[in-house]
């Protein structure tokens, strides 16, 4: 069997599991946390899978067979080599210990030029800052009307917030897929035929059911340790703001970016706003919490930079990008 095909299958399989297990918690984490009390895990998994299948089909139809929504325009297809499978393997290990690193940097760094990687980093840094600023301003306003440390919802609004989680989670999941499917599709031809599309959909669906079965896995702790994320009202607000920021960057240009950095920036701004408005919520608790997440992101970025430098200057030293 051709070794390129073997490396492609291994890289795609590892990337699929690593990306969905690590990054999908950004979008589905609040959904799982707020809904698992009311619905069976397979009901939630089925709903998420339905949205994913429609999103992949729409991207495939709208972008001439490209399920990445055009995110890989600046990263042309390459024959998959053994070192391309190293990145998702490392990501898989980090996922198992619950580190929310950027899959965009870790996976795409093995394919992207140093110039593209630099632009991806700048876009992600801007995304982190914008998400933190928007979240801080938004939750300063939210905190004037509700206390997200407690699930104090008027009985007549309970049904509204519970239904809103379904709608907002679906929209966020779709927008996130339009960004991060590129981290898996990079191992595939840029135009998929129908058979390959169905194989991808089947594999992703199996992965989603597993993720819901284990209730998000270790990485879910990043969501659960934040204030009020188990509540339907808080989950809805997080979903809407996060989806709005991601949609803005999706429409801005076709350059890939780290949705992880945007998500952590949003949670950072949210926690700071809640601490600012709630005097009983000490900043001494907030800063170690958000600082820990930021250090994990920097660690993931360091590994990513190490991968791209090793590939471009050691493994294939004649390939100067």
C-alpha atoms as a PDB file:
ATOM      1  CA  UNK A   1       0.000   0.000   0.000  1.00  0.00           C
ATOM      2  CA  UNK A   2       1.194   3.517  -0.848  1.00  0.00           C
ATOM      3  CA  UNK A   3       2.738   5.119   2.253  1.00  0.00           C
ATOM      4  CA  UNK A   4       1.191   8.481   1.362  1.00  0.00           C
ATOM      5  CA  UNK A   5      -2.266   6.940   1.667  1.00  0.00           C
ATOM      6  CA  UNK A   6      -1.368   5.378   5.015  1.00  0.00           C
ATOM      7  CA  UNK A   7      -0.090   8.709   6.357  1.00  0.00           C
ATOM      8  CA  UNK A   8      -3.224  10.438   5.030  1.00  0.00           C
ATOM      9  CA  UNK A   9      -5.566   8.012   6.775  1.00  0.00           C
ATOM     10  CA  UNK A  10      -3.609   8.155  10.046  1.00  0.00           C
ATOM     11  CA  UNK A  11      -3.306  11.956   9.968  1.00  0.00           C
ATOM     12  CA  UNK A  12      -6.983  12.453   9.108  1.00  0.00           C
ATOM     13  CA  UNK A  13      -8.171   9.995  11.770  1.00  0.00           C
ATOM     14  CA  UNK A  14      -5.999  11.537  14.494  1.00  0.00           C
ATOM     15  CA  UNK A  15      -6.837  15.096  13.459  1.00  0.00           C
ATOM     16  CA  UNK A  16     -10.562  14.315  13.396  1.00  0.00           C
ATOM     17  CA  UNK A  17     -10.571  12.909  16.901  1.00  0.00           C
ATOM     18  CA  UNK A  18      -8.198  15.518  18.331  1.00  0.00           C
ATOM     19  CA  UNK A  19      -9.946  18.549  16.839  1.00  0.00           C
ATOM     20  CA  UNK A  20     -13.468  17.427  17.732  1.00  0.00           C
ATOM     21  CA  UNK A  21     -12.471  16.229  21.207  1.00  0.00           C
ATOM     22  CA  UNK A  22     -10.478  19.385  21.977  1.00  0.00           C
ATOM     23  CA  UNK A  23     -12.094  22.283  20.143  1.00  0.00           C
ATOM     24  CA  UNK A  24     -15.733  21.213  19.905  1.00  0.00           C
ATOM     25  CA  UNK A  25     -16.062  21.680  23.676  1.00  0.00           C
ATOM     26  CA  UNK A  26     -15.754  25.430  23.012  1.00  0.00           C
ATOM     27  CA  UNK A  27     -19.095  25.277  21.233  1.00  0.00           C
ATOM     28  CA  UNK A  28     -20.770  22.212  22.710  1.00  0.00           C
ATOM     29  CA  UNK A  29     -19.407  22.497  26.251  1.00  0.00           C
ATOM     30  CA  UNK A  30     -22.089  24.872  27.527  1.00  0.00           C
ATOM     31  CA  UNK A  31     -24.686  22.869  25.581  1.00  0.00           C
ATOM     32  CA  UNK A  32     -23.633  19.631  27.325  1.00  0.00           C
ATOM     33  CA  UNK A  33     -23.361  21.313  30.733  1.00  0.00           C
ATOM     34  CA  UNK A  34     -26.792  22.950  30.561  1.00  0.00           C
ATOM     35  CA  UNK A  35     -28.727  20.098  28.914  1.00  0.00           C
ATOM     36  CA  UNK A  36     -27.367  16.823  30.323  1.00  0.00           C
ATOM     37  CA  UNK A  37     -29.714  17.077  33.296  1.00  0.00           C
ATOM     38  CA  UNK A  38     -32.769  17.098  31.025  1.00  0.00           C
ATOM     39  CA  UNK A  39     -31.846  14.935  28.024  1.00  0.00           C
ATOM     40  CA  UNK A  40     -30.084  11.652  27.317  1.00  0.00           C
ATOM     41  CA  UNK A  41     -26.587  11.970  25.907  1.00  0.00           C
ATOM     42  CA  UNK A  42     -27.550  10.314  22.630  1.00  0.00           C
ATOM     43  CA  UNK A  43     -30.386  12.801  22.082  1.00  0.00           C
ATOM     44  CA  UNK A  44     -27.935  15.668  22.422  1.00  0.00           C
ATOM     45  CA  UNK A  45     -25.387  13.879  20.225  1.00  0.00           C
ATOM     46  CA  UNK A  46     -28.005  13.270  17.547  1.00  0.00           C
ATOM     47  CA  UNK A  47     -28.949  16.951  17.489  1.00  0.00           C
ATOM     48  CA  UNK A  48     -25.329  18.078  17.186  1.00  0.00           C
ATOM     49  CA  UNK A  49     -24.687  15.490  14.476  1.00  0.00           C
ATOM     50  CA  UNK A  50     -27.667  16.689  12.432  1.00  0.00           C
ATOM     51  CA  UNK A  51     -26.382  20.275  12.463  1.00  0.00           C
ATOM     52  CA  UNK A  52     -22.878  19.084  11.585  1.00  0.00           C
ATOM     53  CA  UNK A  53     -24.082  17.019   8.617  1.00  0.00           C
ATOM     54  CA  UNK A  54     -26.074  19.961   7.249  1.00  0.00           C
ATOM     55  CA  UNK A  55     -23.105  22.324   7.775  1.00  0.00           C
ATOM     56  CA  UNK A  56     -20.683  19.989   5.987  1.00  0.00           C
ATOM     57  CA  UNK A  57     -23.133  19.423   3.143  1.00  0.00           C
ATOM     58  CA  UNK A  58     -23.680  23.163   2.753  1.00  0.00           C
ATOM     59  CA  UNK A  59     -19.943  23.887   2.696  1.00  0.00           C
ATOM     60  CA  UNK A  60     -19.389  21.079   0.176  1.00  0.00           C
ATOM     61  CA  UNK A  61     -22.168  22.415  -2.059  1.00  0.00           C
ATOM     62  CA  UNK A  62     -21.339  26.112  -1.736  1.00  0.00           C
ATOM     63  CA  UNK A  63     -17.543  25.853  -2.099  1.00  0.00           C
ATOM     64  CA  UNK A  64     -17.318  23.375  -4.963  1.00  0.00           C
ATOM     65  CA  UNK A  65     -16.617  20.297  -2.845  1.00  0.00           C
ATOM     66  CA  UNK A  66     -14.505  22.085  -0.212  1.00  0.00           C
ATOM     67  CA  UNK A  67     -15.856  21.337   3.274  1.00  0.00           C
ATOM     68  CA  UNK A  68     -13.409  23.811   4.840  1.00  0.00           C
ATOM     69  CA  UNK A  69     -15.527  26.782   3.663  1.00  0.00           C
ATOM     70  CA  UNK A  70     -12.513  28.147   1.754  1.00  0.00           C
ATOM     71  CA  UNK A  71     -10.328  28.339   4.880  1.00  0.00           C
ATOM     72  CA  UNK A  72      -7.485  26.471   3.130  1.00  0.00           C
ATOM     73  CA  UNK A  73      -7.134  28.792   0.140  1.00  0.00           C
ATOM     74  CA  UNK A  74      -3.699  29.914   1.376  1.00  0.00           C
ATOM     75  CA  UNK A  75      -2.601  26.381   2.277  1.00  0.00           C
ATOM     76  CA  UNK A  76      -2.448  24.310  -0.940  1.00  0.00           C
ATOM     77  CA  UNK A  77      -2.852  20.541  -0.830  1.00  0.00           C
ATOM     78  CA  UNK A  78       0.346  18.601  -0.110  1.00  0.00           C
ATOM     79  CA  UNK A  79       1.211  14.943  -0.243  1.00  0.00           C
ATOM     80  CA  UNK A  80       0.870  13.755   3.326  1.00  0.00           C
ATOM     81  CA  UNK A  81       4.157  12.682   4.945  1.00  0.00           C
ATOM     82  CA  UNK A  82       4.876  11.081   8.305  1.00  0.00           C
ATOM     83  CA  UNK A  83       5.586  14.415   9.991  1.00  0.00           C
ATOM     84  CA  UNK A  84       2.111  15.694   9.112  1.00  0.00           C
ATOM     85  CA  UNK A  85       0.669  13.069  11.470  1.00  0.00           C
ATOM     86  CA  UNK A  86       2.896  14.232  14.351  1.00  0.00           C
ATOM     87  CA  UNK A  87       0.835  17.374  15.025  1.00  0.00           C
ATOM     88  CA  UNK A  88      -2.540  15.678  15.674  1.00  0.00           C
ATOM     89  CA  UNK A  89      -0.748  12.959  17.667  1.00  0.00           C
ATOM     90  CA  UNK A  90       0.664  15.634  19.994  1.00  0.00           C
ATOM     91  CA  UNK A  91      -2.740  17.311  20.117  1.00  0.00           C
ATOM     92  CA  UNK A  92      -4.310  13.991  21.070  1.00  0.00           C
ATOM     93  CA  UNK A  93      -1.936  13.649  24.023  1.00  0.00           C
ATOM     94  CA  UNK A  94      -2.627  17.216  25.187  1.00  0.00           C
ATOM     95  CA  UNK A  95      -6.364  16.626  24.874  1.00  0.00           C
ATOM     96  CA  UNK A  96      -6.146  13.565  27.099  1.00  0.00           C
ATOM     97  CA  UNK A  97      -4.741  15.687  29.941  1.00  0.00           C
ATOM     98  CA  UNK A  98      -7.307  18.457  29.441  1.00  0.00           C
ATOM     99  CA  UNK A  99      -5.159  21.216  27.926  1.00  0.00           C
ATOM    100  CA  UNK A 100      -7.217  23.564  25.673  1.00  0.00           C
ATOM    101  CA  UNK A 101      -4.509  24.262  23.093  1.00  0.00           C
ATOM    102  CA  UNK A 102      -5.164  25.699  19.644  1.00  0.00           C
ATOM    103  CA  UNK A 103      -5.765  22.933  17.127  1.00  0.00           C
ATOM    104  CA  UNK A 104      -5.407  25.488  14.336  1.00  0.00           C
ATOM    105  CA  UNK A 105      -1.799  26.188  15.252  1.00  0.00           C
ATOM    106  CA  UNK A 106      -0.897  22.626  16.160  1.00  0.00           C
ATOM    107  CA  UNK A 107      -2.350  20.988  13.055  1.00  0.00           C
ATOM    108  CA  UNK A 108      -2.030  23.615  10.343  1.00  0.00           C
ATOM    109  CA  UNK A 109       1.509  24.535  11.399  1.00  0.00           C
ATOM    110  CA  UNK A 110       2.671  21.298   9.774  1.00  0.00           C
ATOM    111  CA  UNK A 111       1.266  22.485   6.424  1.00  0.00           C
ATOM    112  CA  UNK A 112       1.410  26.283   6.468  1.00  0.00           C
ATOM    113  CA  UNK A 113       4.334  28.464   5.502  1.00  0.00           C
ATOM    114  CA  UNK A 114       5.924  30.598   8.179  1.00  0.00           C
ATOM    115  CA  UNK A 115       4.340  33.663   6.549  1.00  0.00           C
ATOM    116  CA  UNK A 116       0.836  32.192   6.743  1.00  0.00           C
ATOM    117  CA  UNK A 117       1.459  30.978  10.316  1.00  0.00           C
ATOM    118  CA  UNK A 118       2.462  34.504  11.325  1.00  0.00           C
ATOM    119  CA  UNK A 119      -0.747  35.929   9.823  1.00  0.00           C
ATOM    120  CA  UNK A 120      -2.803  33.241  11.551  1.00  0.00           C
ATOM    121  CA  UNK A 121      -1.183  34.180  14.856  1.00  0.00           C
ATOM    122  CA  UNK A 122      -1.903  37.884  14.417  1.00  0.00           C
ATOM    123  CA  UNK A 123      -5.531  37.225  13.518  1.00  0.00           C
ATOM    124  CA  UNK A 124      -5.894  34.951  16.559  1.00  0.00           C
ATOM    125  CA  UNK A 125      -4.323  37.501  18.921  1.00  0.00           C
ATOM    126  CA  UNK A 126      -6.749  40.136  17.628  1.00  0.00           C
ATOM    127  CA  UNK A 127      -9.560  37.603  18.072  1.00  0.00           C
ATOM    128  CA  UNK A 128      -8.552  36.976  21.693  1.00  0.00           C
ATOM    129  CA  UNK A 129      -8.472  40.692  22.476  1.00  0.00           C
ATOM    130  CA  UNK A 130     -11.714  41.509  20.660  1.00  0.00           C
ATOM    131  CA  UNK A 131     -13.575  38.609  22.290  1.00  0.00           C
ATOM    132  CA  UNK A 132     -12.333  39.633  25.747  1.00  0.00           C
ATOM    133  CA  UNK A 133     -13.342  43.272  25.182  1.00  0.00           C
ATOM    134  CA  UNK A 134     -16.775  42.444  23.758  1.00  0.00           C
ATOM    135  CA  UNK A 135     -17.428  39.922  26.535  1.00  0.00           C
ATOM    136  CA  UNK A 136     -16.353  42.361  29.269  1.00  0.00           C
ATOM    137  CA  UNK A 137     -18.608  45.135  27.960  1.00  0.00           C
ATOM    138  CA  UNK A 138     -21.509  42.746  27.365  1.00  0.00           C
ATOM    139  CA  UNK A 139     -21.373  41.166  30.814  1.00  0.00           C
ATOM    140  CA  UNK A 140     -20.976  44.499  32.546  1.00  0.00           C
ATOM    141  CA  UNK A 141     -24.382  45.228  31.074  1.00  0.00           C
ATOM    142  CA  UNK A 142     -25.741  41.750  31.790  1.00  0.00           C
ATOM    143  CA  UNK A 143     -24.568  41.913  35.407  1.00  0.00           C
ATOM    144  CA  UNK A 144     -26.703  44.996  36.018  1.00  0.00           C
ATOM    145  CA  UNK A 145     -29.810  42.896  35.503  1.00  0.00           C
ATOM    146  CA  UNK A 146     -28.916  39.298  36.432  1.00  0.00           C
ATOM    147  CA  UNK A 147     -26.532  37.497  38.761  1.00  0.00           C
ATOM    148  CA  UNK A 148     -24.946  34.629  36.831  1.00  0.00           C
ATOM    149  CA  UNK A 149     -23.603  33.030  39.989  1.00  0.00           C
ATOM    150  CA  UNK A 150     -27.159  31.852  40.603  1.00  0.00           C
ATOM    151  CA  UNK A 151     -29.830  30.409  38.338  1.00  0.00           C
ATOM    152  CA  UNK A 152     -32.455  32.953  39.345  1.00  0.00           C
ATOM    153  CA  UNK A 153     -34.925  32.887  36.450  1.00  0.00           C
ATOM    154  CA  UNK A 154     -38.579  33.858  36.625  1.00  0.00           C
ATOM    155  CA  UNK A 155     -40.763  30.801  36.067  1.00  0.00           C
ATOM    156  CA  UNK A 156     -42.348  32.287  32.928  1.00  0.00           C
ATOM    157  CA  UNK A 157     -38.897  32.623  31.299  1.00  0.00           C
ATOM    158  CA  UNK A 158     -37.608  29.117  32.046  1.00  0.00           C
ATOM    159  CA  UNK A 159     -38.969  27.622  28.824  1.00  0.00           C
ATOM    160  CA  UNK A 160     -37.599  30.518  26.757  1.00  0.00           C
ATOM    161  CA  UNK A 161     -34.022  30.105  28.023  1.00  0.00           C
ATOM    162  CA  UNK A 162     -34.062  26.325  27.673  1.00  0.00           C
ATOM    163  CA  UNK A 163     -35.226  26.580  24.066  1.00  0.00           C
ATOM    164  CA  UNK A 164     -32.736  29.368  23.392  1.00  0.00           C
ATOM    165  CA  UNK A 165     -29.854  27.037  24.269  1.00  0.00           C
ATOM    166  CA  UNK A 166     -30.880  24.720  21.426  1.00  0.00           C
ATOM    167  CA  UNK A 167     -31.054  27.528  18.869  1.00  0.00           C
ATOM    168  CA  UNK A 168     -27.925  29.415  19.959  1.00  0.00           C
ATOM    169  CA  UNK A 169     -25.888  26.209  20.270  1.00  0.00           C
ATOM    170  CA  UNK A 170     -26.904  25.161  16.774  1.00  0.00           C
ATOM    171  CA  UNK A 171     -25.857  28.494  15.278  1.00  0.00           C
ATOM    172  CA  UNK A 172     -22.572  28.548  17.190  1.00  0.00           C
ATOM    173  CA  UNK A 173     -21.809  24.933  16.215  1.00  0.00           C
ATOM    174  CA  UNK A 174     -22.361  25.787  12.528  1.00  0.00           C
ATOM    175  CA  UNK A 175     -20.156  28.896  12.631  1.00  0.00           C
ATOM    176  CA  UNK A 176     -17.425  27.004  14.500  1.00  0.00           C
ATOM    177  CA  UNK A 177     -17.479  24.200  11.939  1.00  0.00           C
ATOM    178  CA  UNK A 178     -16.984  26.744   9.154  1.00  0.00           C
ATOM    179  CA  UNK A 179     -13.700  27.673  10.876  1.00  0.00           C
ATOM    180  CA  UNK A 180     -12.265  24.500  12.343  1.00  0.00           C
ATOM    181  CA  UNK A 181     -13.214  21.790   9.874  1.00  0.00           C
ATOM    182  CA  UNK A 182     -10.211  23.161   7.950  1.00  0.00           C
ATOM    183  CA  UNK A 183      -7.957  21.646  10.630  1.00  0.00           C
ATOM    184  CA  UNK A 184      -9.146  18.192   9.575  1.00  0.00           C
ATOM    185  CA  UNK A 185      -9.845  18.795   5.878  1.00  0.00           C
ATOM    186  CA  UNK A 186      -6.213  19.853   5.384  1.00  0.00           C
ATOM    187  CA  UNK A 187      -5.400  16.129   5.103  1.00  0.00           C
ATOM    188  CA  UNK A 188      -7.883  15.667   2.261  1.00  0.00           C
ATOM    189  CA  UNK A 189      -8.146  16.839  -1.359  1.00  0.00           C
ATOM    190  CA  UNK A 190      -9.629  20.333  -1.555  1.00  0.00           C
ATOM    191  CA  UNK A 191     -12.580  19.007  -3.595  1.00  0.00           C
ATOM    192  CA  UNK A 192     -14.243  15.882  -2.193  1.00  0.00           C
ATOM    193  CA  UNK A 193     -16.424  13.537  -4.175  1.00  0.00           C
ATOM    194  CA  UNK A 194     -19.730  12.393  -2.693  1.00  0.00           C
ATOM    195  CA  UNK A 195     -18.368   9.059  -1.438  1.00  0.00           C
ATOM    196  CA  UNK A 196     -15.549  10.699   0.507  1.00  0.00           C
ATOM    197  CA  UNK A 197     -17.951  13.304   1.876  1.00  0.00           C
ATOM    198  CA  UNK A 198     -20.205  10.554   3.260  1.00  0.00           C
ATOM    199  CA  UNK A 199     -17.202   8.802   4.822  1.00  0.00           C
ATOM    200  CA  UNK A 200     -16.160  12.052   6.525  1.00  0.00           C
ATOM    201  CA  UNK A 201     -19.700  12.630   7.791  1.00  0.00           C
ATOM    202  CA  UNK A 202     -19.906   9.100   9.173  1.00  0.00           C
ATOM    203  CA  UNK A 203     -16.578   9.376  10.987  1.00  0.00           C
ATOM    204  CA  UNK A 204     -17.408  12.784  12.456  1.00  0.00           C
ATOM    205  CA  UNK A 205     -20.800  11.526  13.639  1.00  0.00           C
ATOM    206  CA  UNK A 206     -19.192   8.551  15.410  1.00  0.00           C
ATOM    207  CA  UNK A 207     -16.724  10.900  17.104  1.00  0.00           C
ATOM    208  CA  UNK A 208     -19.499  13.233  18.244  1.00  0.00           C
ATOM    209  CA  UNK A 209     -21.478  10.403  19.801  1.00  0.00           C
ATOM    210  CA  UNK A 210     -18.375   9.312  21.695  1.00  0.00           C
ATOM    211  CA  UNK A 211     -17.679  12.858  22.929  1.00  0.00           C
ATOM    212  CA  UNK A 212     -21.243  13.192  24.226  1.00  0.00           C
ATOM    213  CA  UNK A 213     -21.055   9.726  25.778  1.00  0.00           C
ATOM    214  CA  UNK A 214     -18.047  10.778  27.893  1.00  0.00           C
ATOM    215  CA  UNK A 215     -19.737  14.178  28.545  1.00  0.00           C
ATOM    216  CA  UNK A 216     -16.969  16.165  26.912  1.00  0.00           C
ATOM    217  CA  UNK A 217     -14.040  14.409  28.547  1.00  0.00           C
ATOM    218  CA  UNK A 218     -11.239  16.107  30.537  1.00  0.00           C
ATOM    219  CA  UNK A 219     -11.311  19.297  28.446  1.00  0.00           C
ATOM    220  CA  UNK A 220     -14.890  19.983  29.605  1.00  0.00           C
ATOM    221  CA  UNK A 221     -13.430  21.120  32.928  1.00  0.00           C
ATOM    222  CA  UNK A 222     -12.382  24.395  31.244  1.00  0.00           C
ATOM    223  CA  UNK A 223     -16.081  25.182  30.772  1.00  0.00           C
ATOM    224  CA  UNK A 224     -17.444  23.790  34.031  1.00  0.00           C
ATOM    225  CA  UNK A 225     -15.048  25.717  36.265  1.00  0.00           C
ATOM    226  CA  UNK A 226     -16.348  29.052  34.910  1.00  0.00           C
ATOM    227  CA  UNK A 227     -19.209  30.864  36.657  1.00  0.00           C
ATOM    228  CA  UNK A 228     -22.743  29.679  35.866  1.00  0.00           C
ATOM    229  CA  UNK A 229     -21.977  27.785  32.635  1.00  0.00           C
ATOM    230  CA  UNK A 230     -24.362  24.991  33.688  1.00  0.00           C
ATOM    231  CA  UNK A 231     -27.304  27.394  33.519  1.00  0.00           C
ATOM    232  CA  UNK A 232     -29.391  27.655  30.329  1.00  0.00           C
ATOM    233  CA  UNK A 233     -29.498  31.449  30.474  1.00  0.00           C
ATOM    234  CA  UNK A 234     -25.732  31.831  30.838  1.00  0.00           C
ATOM    235  CA  UNK A 235     -25.069  29.215  28.164  1.00  0.00           C
ATOM    236  CA  UNK A 236     -27.309  31.092  25.718  1.00  0.00           C
ATOM    237  CA  UNK A 237     -25.584  34.422  26.291  1.00  0.00           C
ATOM    238  CA  UNK A 238     -22.134  32.845  25.896  1.00  0.00           C
ATOM    239  CA  UNK A 239     -23.210  31.090  22.698  1.00  0.00           C
ATOM    240  CA  UNK A 240     -24.636  34.219  21.072  1.00  0.00           C
ATOM    241  CA  UNK A 241     -21.622  36.431  21.792  1.00  0.00           C
ATOM    242  CA  UNK A 242     -19.087  33.745  20.836  1.00  0.00           C
ATOM    243  CA  UNK A 243     -20.917  32.947  17.589  1.00  0.00           C
ATOM    244  CA  UNK A 244     -21.140  36.652  16.749  1.00  0.00           C
ATOM    245  CA  UNK A 245     -17.379  37.150  17.134  1.00  0.00           C
ATOM    246  CA  UNK A 246     -16.578  34.013  15.119  1.00  0.00           C
ATOM    247  CA  UNK A 247     -18.999  35.040  12.368  1.00  0.00           C
ATOM    248  CA  UNK A 248     -17.307  38.438  12.126  1.00  0.00           C
ATOM    249  CA  UNK A 249     -13.896  36.850  11.594  1.00  0.00           C
ATOM    250  CA  UNK A 250     -15.362  34.304   9.172  1.00  0.00           C
ATOM    251  CA  UNK A 251     -16.613  37.119   6.973  1.00  0.00           C
ATOM    252  CA  UNK A 252     -13.457  39.219   7.431  1.00  0.00           C
ATOM    253  CA  UNK A 253     -11.192  36.995   5.276  1.00  0.00           C
ATOM    254  CA  UNK A 254     -10.418  33.357   4.463  1.00  0.00           C
ATOM    255  CA  UNK A 255      -7.354  33.137   6.717  1.00  0.00           C
ATOM    256  CA  UNK A 256      -7.598  30.377   9.364  1.00  0.00           C
ATOM    257  CA  UNK A 257      -7.520  31.450  13.004  1.00  0.00           C
ATOM    258  CA  UNK A 258      -7.576  29.892  16.435  1.00  0.00           C
ATOM    259  CA  UNK A 259     -11.133  29.626  17.724  1.00  0.00           C
ATOM    260  CA  UNK A 260      -9.608  28.438  21.003  1.00  0.00           C
ATOM    261  CA  UNK A 261      -7.990  31.828  21.530  1.00  0.00           C
ATOM    262  CA  UNK A 262     -11.310  33.563  20.817  1.00  0.00           C
ATOM    263  CA  UNK A 263     -13.142  31.270  23.245  1.00  0.00           C
ATOM    264  CA  UNK A 264     -10.630  31.709  26.069  1.00  0.00           C
ATOM    265  CA  UNK A 265     -10.638  35.475  25.466  1.00  0.00           C
ATOM    266  CA  UNK A 266     -14.431  35.512  25.774  1.00  0.00           C
ATOM    267  CA  UNK A 267     -14.377  33.563  29.045  1.00  0.00           C
ATOM    268  CA  UNK A 268     -11.627  35.849  30.328  1.00  0.00           C
ATOM    269  CA  UNK A 269     -13.630  39.021  29.640  1.00  0.00           C
ATOM    270  CA  UNK A 270     -16.758  37.431  31.100  1.00  0.00           C
ATOM    271  CA  UNK A 271     -15.100  36.396  34.352  1.00  0.00           C
ATOM    272  CA  UNK A 272     -13.508  39.834  34.789  1.00  0.00           C
ATOM    273  CA  UNK A 273     -16.857  41.557  34.225  1.00  0.00           C
ATOM    274  CA  UNK A 274     -18.657  39.326  36.723  1.00  0.00           C
ATOM    275  CA  UNK A 275     -15.901  39.962  39.270  1.00  0.00           C
ATOM    276  CA  UNK A 276     -16.076  43.717  38.636  1.00  0.00           C
ATOM    277  CA  UNK A 277     -19.832  43.857  39.201  1.00  0.00           C
ATOM    278  CA  UNK A 278     -20.057  41.293  42.018  1.00  0.00           C
ATOM    279  CA  UNK A 279     -18.039  42.409  45.025  1.00  0.00           C
ATOM    280  CA  UNK A 280     -18.386  38.982  46.644  1.00  0.00           C
ATOM    281  CA  UNK A 281     -16.559  37.424  43.678  1.00  0.00           C
ATOM    282  CA  UNK A 282     -12.882  38.029  44.414  1.00  0.00           C
ATOM    283  CA  UNK A 283     -10.453  39.014  41.656  1.00  0.00           C
ATOM    284  CA  UNK A 284      -7.886  36.894  43.483  1.00  0.00           C
ATOM    285  CA  UNK A 285      -9.819  33.863  42.276  1.00  0.00           C
ATOM    286  CA  UNK A 286     -10.331  35.147  38.728  1.00  0.00           C
ATOM    287  CA  UNK A 287      -6.752  35.973  37.747  1.00  0.00           C
ATOM    288  CA  UNK A 288      -5.277  32.519  38.489  1.00  0.00           C
ATOM    289  CA  UNK A 289      -8.186  30.976  36.592  1.00  0.00           C
ATOM    290  CA  UNK A 290      -7.797  33.006  33.409  1.00  0.00           C
ATOM    291  CA  UNK A 291      -4.016  33.039  33.726  1.00  0.00           C
ATOM    292  CA  UNK A 292      -3.941  29.247  33.755  1.00  0.00           C
ATOM    293  CA  UNK A 293      -5.940  29.084  30.514  1.00  0.00           C
ATOM    294  CA  UNK A 294      -3.679  31.669  28.879  1.00  0.00           C
ATOM    295  CA  UNK A 295      -0.528  29.762  29.829  1.00  0.00           C
ATOM    296  CA  UNK A 296      -1.998  26.610  28.320  1.00  0.00           C
ATOM    297  CA  UNK A 297      -2.598  28.472  25.063  1.00  0.00           C
ATOM    298  CA  UNK A 298       0.942  29.815  25.028  1.00  0.00           C
ATOM    299  CA  UNK A 299       2.237  26.298  25.654  1.00  0.00           C
ATOM    300  CA  UNK A 300       0.280  25.012  22.671  1.00  0.00           C
ATOM    301  CA  UNK A 301       1.574  27.872  20.516  1.00  0.00           C
ATOM    302  CA  UNK A 302       5.151  27.067  21.534  1.00  0.00           C
ATOM    303  CA  UNK A 303       4.694  23.450  20.489  1.00  0.00           C
ATOM    304  CA  UNK A 304       3.177  24.612  17.182  1.00  0.00           C
ATOM    305  CA  UNK A 305       6.078  26.944  16.418  1.00  0.00           C
ATOM    306  CA  UNK A 306       8.481  24.124  17.261  1.00  0.00           C
ATOM    307  CA  UNK A 307       6.706  21.854  14.778  1.00  0.00           C
ATOM    308  CA  UNK A 308       6.757  24.345  11.915  1.00  0.00           C
ATOM    309  CA  UNK A 309      10.416  25.229  12.479  1.00  0.00           C
ATOM    310  CA  UNK A 310      11.408  21.570  12.669  1.00  0.00           C
ATOM    311  CA  UNK A 311       9.599  20.771   9.418  1.00  0.00           C
ATOM    312  CA  UNK A 312      10.801  23.754   7.405  1.00  0.00           C
ATOM    313  CA  UNK A 313      14.384  23.972   8.639  1.00  0.00           C
ATOM    314  CA  UNK A 314      15.350  20.464   9.812  1.00  0.00           C
ATOM    315  CA  UNK A 315      13.203  17.788   8.162  1.00  0.00           C
ATOM    316  CA  UNK A 316      13.016  19.534   4.777  1.00  0.00           C
ATOM    317  CA  UNK A 317      15.767  22.181   5.068  1.00  0.00           C
ATOM    318  CA  UNK A 318      15.641  23.077   1.372  1.00  0.00           C
ATOM    319  CA  UNK A 319      12.015  24.110   1.654  1.00  0.00           C
ATOM    320  CA  UNK A 320      12.451  27.753   2.714  1.00  0.00           C
ATOM    321  CA  UNK A 321       9.061  29.398   2.937  1.00  0.00           C
END
